[in-house]
N, C-alpha and C. Protein backbone atom coordinates (compact mmCIF):
# COMPACT_ATOMS: atom_id res chain seq x y z
N MET A 1 18.16 69.28 81.14
CA MET A 1 19.38 68.59 81.45
C MET A 1 19.98 69.25 82.69
N VAL A 2 20.32 68.46 83.68
CA VAL A 2 20.83 68.98 84.95
C VAL A 2 22.23 68.41 85.19
N ARG A 3 23.14 69.30 85.61
CA ARG A 3 24.51 68.87 85.89
C ARG A 3 24.98 69.51 87.19
N THR A 4 25.48 68.70 88.12
CA THR A 4 26.05 69.21 89.36
C THR A 4 27.45 69.71 89.07
N LEU A 5 27.71 70.99 89.37
CA LEU A 5 29.01 71.60 89.09
C LEU A 5 29.96 71.52 90.28
N SER A 6 29.41 71.63 91.48
CA SER A 6 30.24 71.48 92.67
C SER A 6 29.37 70.97 93.81
N ARG A 7 30.01 70.27 94.72
CA ARG A 7 29.27 69.67 95.83
C ARG A 7 30.15 69.73 97.07
N SER A 8 29.56 70.16 98.18
CA SER A 8 30.24 70.13 99.47
C SER A 8 29.23 69.72 100.53
N SER A 9 29.67 69.67 101.76
CA SER A 9 28.75 69.24 102.82
C SER A 9 27.64 70.26 103.04
N ARG A 10 27.89 71.52 102.70
CA ARG A 10 26.90 72.57 102.93
C ARG A 10 26.23 73.10 101.67
N ARG A 11 26.88 72.98 100.50
CA ARG A 11 26.34 73.62 99.31
C ARG A 11 26.58 72.80 98.06
N ASP A 12 25.56 72.76 97.21
CA ASP A 12 25.69 72.21 95.86
C ASP A 12 25.42 73.34 94.88
N VAL A 13 26.15 73.35 93.76
CA VAL A 13 25.87 74.28 92.68
C VAL A 13 25.49 73.43 91.47
N VAL A 14 24.32 73.73 90.91
CA VAL A 14 23.74 72.92 89.84
C VAL A 14 23.44 73.82 88.64
N HIS A 15 23.71 73.32 87.44
CA HIS A 15 23.38 74.00 86.20
C HIS A 15 22.28 73.20 85.51
N ALA A 16 21.24 73.89 85.06
CA ALA A 16 20.13 73.22 84.38
C ALA A 16 19.82 73.94 83.07
N THR A 17 19.58 73.17 82.02
CA THR A 17 19.21 73.72 80.72
C THR A 17 17.90 73.07 80.29
N CYS A 18 16.95 73.90 79.86
CA CYS A 18 15.65 73.41 79.39
C CYS A 18 15.81 72.91 77.95
N PHE A 19 15.36 71.68 77.70
CA PHE A 19 15.42 71.14 76.34
C PHE A 19 14.52 71.91 75.39
N GLY A 20 13.39 72.43 75.91
CA GLY A 20 12.43 73.12 75.06
C GLY A 20 12.88 74.49 74.62
N CYS A 21 13.14 75.39 75.59
CA CYS A 21 13.47 76.78 75.26
C CYS A 21 14.96 77.07 75.26
N LYS A 22 15.77 76.13 75.72
CA LYS A 22 17.23 76.25 75.76
C LYS A 22 17.73 77.28 76.78
N ARG A 23 16.87 77.77 77.67
CA ARG A 23 17.32 78.69 78.72
C ARG A 23 18.07 77.91 79.78
N ALA A 24 19.04 78.58 80.39
CA ALA A 24 19.86 77.92 81.40
C ALA A 24 19.73 78.65 82.73
N MET A 25 19.85 77.90 83.82
CA MET A 25 19.82 78.46 85.17
C MET A 25 20.92 77.82 86.00
N LEU A 26 21.44 78.62 86.92
CA LEU A 26 22.35 78.13 87.95
C LEU A 26 21.61 78.15 89.27
N PHE A 27 21.77 77.10 90.05
CA PHE A 27 21.14 77.01 91.35
C PHE A 27 22.21 76.77 92.41
N ALA A 28 22.10 77.49 93.51
CA ALA A 28 22.93 77.22 94.69
C ALA A 28 21.98 76.67 95.75
N ILE A 29 22.23 75.47 96.20
CA ILE A 29 21.38 74.82 97.19
C ILE A 29 22.20 74.68 98.47
N GLU A 30 21.77 75.37 99.52
CA GLU A 30 22.51 75.35 100.79
C GLU A 30 21.74 74.61 101.86
N ARG A 31 22.49 73.87 102.68
CA ARG A 31 21.91 73.12 103.79
C ARG A 31 22.52 73.62 105.10
N ARG A 32 21.64 73.98 106.04
CA ARG A 32 22.11 74.44 107.35
C ARG A 32 21.12 74.02 108.42
N GLU A 33 21.63 73.36 109.41
CA GLU A 33 20.85 73.02 110.61
C GLU A 33 19.43 72.54 110.28
N GLY A 34 19.33 71.58 109.38
CA GLY A 34 18.04 71.01 109.04
C GLY A 34 17.20 71.84 108.09
N GLN A 35 17.74 72.92 107.57
CA GLN A 35 17.01 73.76 106.62
C GLN A 35 17.70 73.72 105.26
N ILE A 36 16.92 73.97 104.23
CA ILE A 36 17.46 74.02 102.87
C ILE A 36 17.04 75.34 102.24
N ALA A 37 17.99 76.02 101.60
CA ALA A 37 17.70 77.25 100.87
C ALA A 37 18.20 77.07 99.44
N CYS A 38 17.45 77.61 98.50
CA CYS A 38 17.82 77.49 97.10
C CYS A 38 17.70 78.86 96.44
N MET A 39 18.74 79.24 95.70
CA MET A 39 18.71 80.48 94.95
C MET A 39 19.04 80.14 93.51
N GLY A 40 18.27 80.63 92.58
CA GLY A 40 18.51 80.37 91.17
C GLY A 40 18.62 81.65 90.38
N LEU A 41 19.38 81.59 89.30
CA LEU A 41 19.47 82.75 88.42
C LEU A 41 19.65 82.28 86.99
N PHE A 42 19.03 83.04 86.08
CA PHE A 42 19.19 82.73 84.67
C PHE A 42 20.59 83.12 84.23
N THR A 43 21.15 82.36 83.29
CA THR A 43 22.50 82.64 82.81
C THR A 43 22.59 82.34 81.33
N ASP A 44 23.56 82.96 80.69
CA ASP A 44 23.83 82.61 79.29
C ASP A 44 25.02 81.66 79.19
N CYS A 45 25.55 81.23 80.34
CA CYS A 45 26.67 80.28 80.36
C CYS A 45 26.15 78.86 80.22
N ASP A 46 26.88 78.06 79.45
CA ASP A 46 26.56 76.64 79.46
C ASP A 46 27.25 76.02 80.67
N ALA A 47 27.03 74.75 80.93
CA ALA A 47 27.56 74.10 82.13
C ALA A 47 29.09 74.12 82.16
N THR A 48 29.73 73.97 81.00
CA THR A 48 31.19 73.97 80.95
C THR A 48 31.75 75.33 81.34
N ASP A 49 31.16 76.41 80.82
CA ASP A 49 31.61 77.76 81.18
C ASP A 49 31.36 78.04 82.65
N ALA A 50 30.19 77.67 83.14
CA ALA A 50 29.86 77.92 84.54
C ALA A 50 30.84 77.19 85.46
N LYS A 51 31.19 75.97 85.14
CA LYS A 51 32.16 75.22 85.96
C LYS A 51 33.53 75.89 85.93
N ARG A 52 33.93 76.39 84.77
CA ARG A 52 35.20 77.09 84.65
C ARG A 52 35.23 78.34 85.52
N PHE A 53 34.13 79.10 85.54
CA PHE A 53 34.05 80.30 86.38
C PHE A 53 34.07 79.93 87.87
N LEU A 54 33.42 78.83 88.23
CA LEU A 54 33.41 78.41 89.63
C LEU A 54 34.81 78.04 90.12
N GLU A 55 35.65 77.57 89.24
CA GLU A 55 37.00 77.14 89.62
C GLU A 55 38.00 78.29 89.69
N LYS A 56 37.61 79.47 89.22
CA LYS A 56 38.49 80.64 89.30
C LYS A 56 38.54 81.17 90.73
N SER A 57 39.59 81.93 91.04
CA SER A 57 39.67 82.51 92.38
C SER A 57 38.63 83.63 92.51
N ARG A 58 38.22 83.86 93.74
CA ARG A 58 37.20 84.87 94.01
C ARG A 58 37.77 86.27 93.81
N ILE A 59 36.88 87.20 93.50
CA ILE A 59 37.25 88.60 93.37
C ILE A 59 37.39 89.18 94.77
N SER A 60 38.49 89.86 95.02
CA SER A 60 38.73 90.45 96.34
C SER A 60 38.20 91.88 96.38
N LEU A 61 38.13 92.44 97.57
CA LEU A 61 37.74 93.83 97.72
C LEU A 61 38.74 94.74 97.00
N ASP A 62 40.02 94.39 97.06
CA ASP A 62 41.03 95.18 96.35
C ASP A 62 40.79 95.17 94.84
N ASP A 63 40.36 94.03 94.30
CA ASP A 63 40.04 93.95 92.87
C ASP A 63 38.91 94.92 92.53
N VAL A 64 37.89 94.96 93.36
CA VAL A 64 36.75 95.85 93.13
C VAL A 64 37.19 97.30 93.20
N LEU A 65 38.01 97.64 94.19
CA LEU A 65 38.48 99.01 94.32
C LEU A 65 39.34 99.43 93.13
N ARG A 66 40.20 98.54 92.66
CA ARG A 66 41.03 98.84 91.48
C ARG A 66 40.16 99.07 90.25
N ALA A 67 39.14 98.26 90.07
CA ALA A 67 38.24 98.43 88.92
C ALA A 67 37.50 99.77 89.03
N HIS A 68 37.05 100.11 90.22
CA HIS A 68 36.36 101.38 90.43
C HIS A 68 37.29 102.55 90.11
N GLU A 69 38.54 102.49 90.61
CA GLU A 69 39.49 103.56 90.34
C GLU A 69 39.77 103.68 88.85
N LEU A 70 39.93 102.56 88.18
CA LEU A 70 40.18 102.58 86.74
C LEU A 70 39.01 103.20 85.99
N LEU A 71 37.79 102.80 86.32
CA LEU A 71 36.61 103.35 85.65
C LEU A 71 36.43 104.82 85.96
N PHE A 72 36.70 105.23 87.20
CA PHE A 72 36.56 106.63 87.59
C PHE A 72 37.57 107.48 86.82
N GLU A 73 38.79 106.97 86.68
CA GLU A 73 39.82 107.70 85.93
C GLU A 73 39.39 107.88 84.48
N LYS A 74 38.80 106.86 83.87
CA LYS A 74 38.39 106.93 82.47
C LYS A 74 37.29 107.95 82.27
N THR A 75 36.39 108.10 83.24
CA THR A 75 35.27 109.04 83.08
C THR A 75 35.72 110.49 83.30
N ARG A 76 36.86 110.69 83.96
CA ARG A 76 37.35 112.06 84.19
C ARG A 76 38.12 112.61 83.01
N LEU A 77 38.53 111.76 82.09
CA LEU A 77 39.35 112.21 80.94
C LEU A 77 38.53 112.91 79.91
């Protein structure tokens, strides 16, 4: 079963689930200057969860630094 989660002029994000083994994959298909690139990864998210994550705001560098500082503080205690 294949479901398109987002579509733009340059990129489509597609979720696919195998009816046989029930494994799921996310694919990012990019189009640039007459070329197509596709990257896929296995996921445990169903299409609804994956779409919800795609609609969230992106993680910023400051978010990553705050998480690192928090984890570093926890390991020093």
